Each structure stands twice: as structure tokens, then as C-alpha cells.
Amino acid sequence: MARVCQVTGKRPITGNKVSHSNIKTKRRFLPNLQTKKFFLAEEDKWITLKLSSDAIRTINKNGLYSVVKKLRAEGVSI
């Protein structure tokens, strides 16, 4: 499964690893992803989402059902 947040769309980015002697080599910065299970009360079922910590805060602020409705409107199957 890809390292992509289902809500925010965050994905790995590339950059340079810089050593003490200032030699630069390519590296990847991975997003802070968590696999989280939520109970969707409106549909009386559990859903599992792969989320960044930023997306978990968004769900806490806006509510799970509104976030799921927005995802389904964009065409994501949940």
C-alpha cells in the first residue's frame, strides 16, 4: 500500500541528506502516517483509514462524517 494519506493526500518528498563534511545524497522524507479505525455512527459500521497526524486533527475538528462525505464526493471508496 502506498505511503499516502487518504484525507490530506500527503506523500513522501525528496531532499538531501547532508553529512558533517557537507556531502549531499538523496533521501526521502516520509509522512507521519497512522492506520486508524473509526466507528461511523451514521452508517453503524467501522472504517479503517490511513491518515497523517494532520488528518487526525482535521477529523477531530470537523467530525468524521463530514470528512467521509467529502472523500466520497471526490470519488474515494470507503
C-alpha atoms as a PDB file:
ATOM      1  CA  MET A   1       0.000   0.000   0.000  1.00  0.00           C
ATOM      2  CA  ALA A   2       1.299   3.444  -0.875  1.00  0.00           C
ATOM      3  CA  ARG A   3       2.508   5.888   1.767  1.00  0.00           C
ATOM      4  CA  VAL A   4      -0.233   8.429   1.039  1.00  0.00           C
ATOM      5  CA  CYS A   5      -2.711   9.985   3.464  1.00  0.00           C
ATOM      6  CA  GLN A   6      -6.301   9.311   2.388  1.00  0.00           C
ATOM      7  CA  VAL A   7      -7.602  12.678   3.628  1.00  0.00           C
ATOM      8  CA  THR A   8      -4.858  15.242   3.023  1.00  0.00           C
ATOM      9  CA  GLY A   9      -3.005  13.474   0.188  1.00  0.00           C
ATOM     10  CA  LYS A  10       0.379  13.890   1.873  1.00  0.00           C
ATOM     11  CA  ARG A  11       3.053  11.694   0.289  1.00  0.00           C
ATOM     12  CA  PRO A  12       6.830  11.246   0.558  1.00  0.00           C
ATOM     13  CA  ILE A  13       9.007  14.105  -0.670  1.00  0.00           C
ATOM     14  CA  THR A  14      12.662  14.081  -1.632  1.00  0.00           C
ATOM     15  CA  GLY A  15      15.524  16.134  -0.374  1.00  0.00           C
ATOM     16  CA  ASN A  16      19.180  15.954   0.520  1.00  0.00           C
ATOM     17  CA  LYS A  17      20.882  14.202   3.397  1.00  0.00           C
ATOM     18  CA  VAL A  18      23.768  16.474   4.355  1.00  0.00           C
ATOM     19  CA  SER A  19      26.741  14.948   6.155  1.00  0.00           C
ATOM     20  CA  HIS A  20      29.113  16.673   8.530  1.00  0.00           C
ATOM     21  CA  SER A  21      31.519  17.202   5.616  1.00  0.00           C
ATOM     22  CA  ASN A  22      28.639  18.792   3.629  1.00  0.00           C
ATOM     23  CA  ILE A  23      28.317  15.906   1.122  1.00  0.00           C
ATOM     24  CA  LYS A  24      24.761  15.742  -0.196  1.00  0.00           C
ATOM     25  CA  THR A  25      22.992  12.498  -1.071  1.00  0.00           C
ATOM     26  CA  LYS A  26      19.321  11.999  -1.948  1.00  0.00           C
ATOM     27  CA  ARG A  27      16.863  10.860   0.710  1.00  0.00           C
ATOM     28  CA  ARG A  28      13.104  10.611   1.254  1.00  0.00           C
ATOM     29  CA  PHE A  29      11.052  12.403   3.885  1.00  0.00           C
ATOM     30  CA  LEU A  30       8.117  10.134   4.803  1.00  0.00           C
ATOM     31  CA  PRO A  31       4.826  11.496   6.169  1.00  0.00           C
ATOM     32  CA  ASN A  32       3.754  10.563   9.690  1.00  0.00           C
ATOM     33  CA  LEU A  33       1.059   8.011   8.742  1.00  0.00           C
ATOM     34  CA  GLN A  34      -1.133   6.077  11.165  1.00  0.00           C
ATOM     35  CA  THR A  35      -3.622   3.312  10.404  1.00  0.00           C
ATOM     36  CA  LYS A  36      -6.682   4.276  12.418  1.00  0.00           C
ATOM     37  CA  LYS A  37     -10.049   2.581  12.927  1.00  0.00           C
ATOM     38  CA  PHE A  38     -13.132   4.782  13.388  1.00  0.00           C
ATOM     39  CA  PHE A  39     -16.738   3.925  14.154  1.00  0.00           C
ATOM     40  CA  LEU A  40     -19.044   5.682  11.698  1.00  0.00           C
ATOM     41  CA  ALA A  41     -22.247   6.021  13.767  1.00  0.00           C
ATOM     42  CA  GLU A  42     -24.411   7.289  10.875  1.00  0.00           C
ATOM     43  CA  GLU A  43     -23.841   4.034   8.952  1.00  0.00           C
ATOM     44  CA  ASP A  44     -23.317   1.819  12.029  1.00  0.00           C
ATOM     45  CA  LYS A  45     -20.002   0.377  10.823  1.00  0.00           C
ATOM     46  CA  TRP A  46     -16.243   0.544  11.404  1.00  0.00           C
ATOM     47  CA  ILE A  47     -13.934   2.062   8.795  1.00  0.00           C
ATOM     48  CA  THR A  48     -10.140   1.905   8.620  1.00  0.00           C
ATOM     49  CA  LEU A  49      -8.242   4.870   7.224  1.00  0.00           C
ATOM     50  CA  LYS A  50      -4.548   5.527   6.603  1.00  0.00           C
ATOM     51  CA  LEU A  51      -4.072   9.044   7.933  1.00  0.00           C
ATOM     52  CA  SER A  52      -1.391  11.585   8.678  1.00  0.00           C
ATOM     53  CA  SER A  53      -1.390  13.137  12.136  1.00  0.00           C
ATOM     54  CA  ASP A  54      -2.633  16.352  10.495  1.00  0.00           C
ATOM     55  CA  ALA A  55      -5.658  14.485   9.084  1.00  0.00           C
ATOM     56  CA  ILE A  56      -6.487  13.044  12.522  1.00  0.00           C
ATOM     57  CA  ARG A  57      -6.641  16.605  13.845  1.00  0.00           C
ATOM     58  CA  THR A  58      -8.894  17.573  10.905  1.00  0.00           C
ATOM     59  CA  ILE A  59     -11.288  14.720  11.763  1.00  0.00           C
ATOM     60  CA  ASN A  60     -11.343  15.798  15.422  1.00  0.00           C
ATOM     61  CA  LYS A  61     -12.183  19.354  14.375  1.00  0.00           C
ATOM     62  CA  ASN A  62     -14.711  18.799  11.557  1.00  0.00           C
ATOM     63  CA  GLY A  63     -16.170  15.421  12.514  1.00  0.00           C
ATOM     64  CA  LEU A  64     -15.729  12.023  10.904  1.00  0.00           C
ATOM     65  CA  TYR A  65     -18.948  12.009   8.895  1.00  0.00           C
ATOM     66  CA  SER A  66     -18.282  15.340   7.157  1.00  0.00           C
ATOM     67  CA  VAL A  67     -14.757  14.208   6.205  1.00  0.00           C
ATOM     68  CA  VAL A  68     -16.069  10.882   4.854  1.00  0.00           C
ATOM     69  CA  LYS A  69     -18.782  12.679   2.854  1.00  0.00           C
ATOM     70  CA  LYS A  70     -16.162  14.952   1.301  1.00  0.00           C
ATOM     71  CA  LEU A  71     -13.944  11.958   0.405  1.00  0.00           C
ATOM     72  CA  ARG A  72     -16.840  10.117  -1.216  1.00  0.00           C
ATOM     73  CA  ALA A  73     -17.737  13.219  -3.233  1.00  0.00           C
ATOM     74  CA  GLU A  74     -14.156  13.190  -4.578  1.00  0.00           C
ATOM     75  CA  GLY A  75     -14.581   9.546  -5.635  1.00  0.00           C
ATOM     76  CA  VAL A  76     -12.629   7.725  -2.899  1.00  0.00           C
ATOM     77  CA  SER A  77     -14.260   4.434  -1.917  1.00  0.00           C
ATOM     78  CA  ILE A  78     -14.635   3.990   1.839  1.00  0.00           C
END
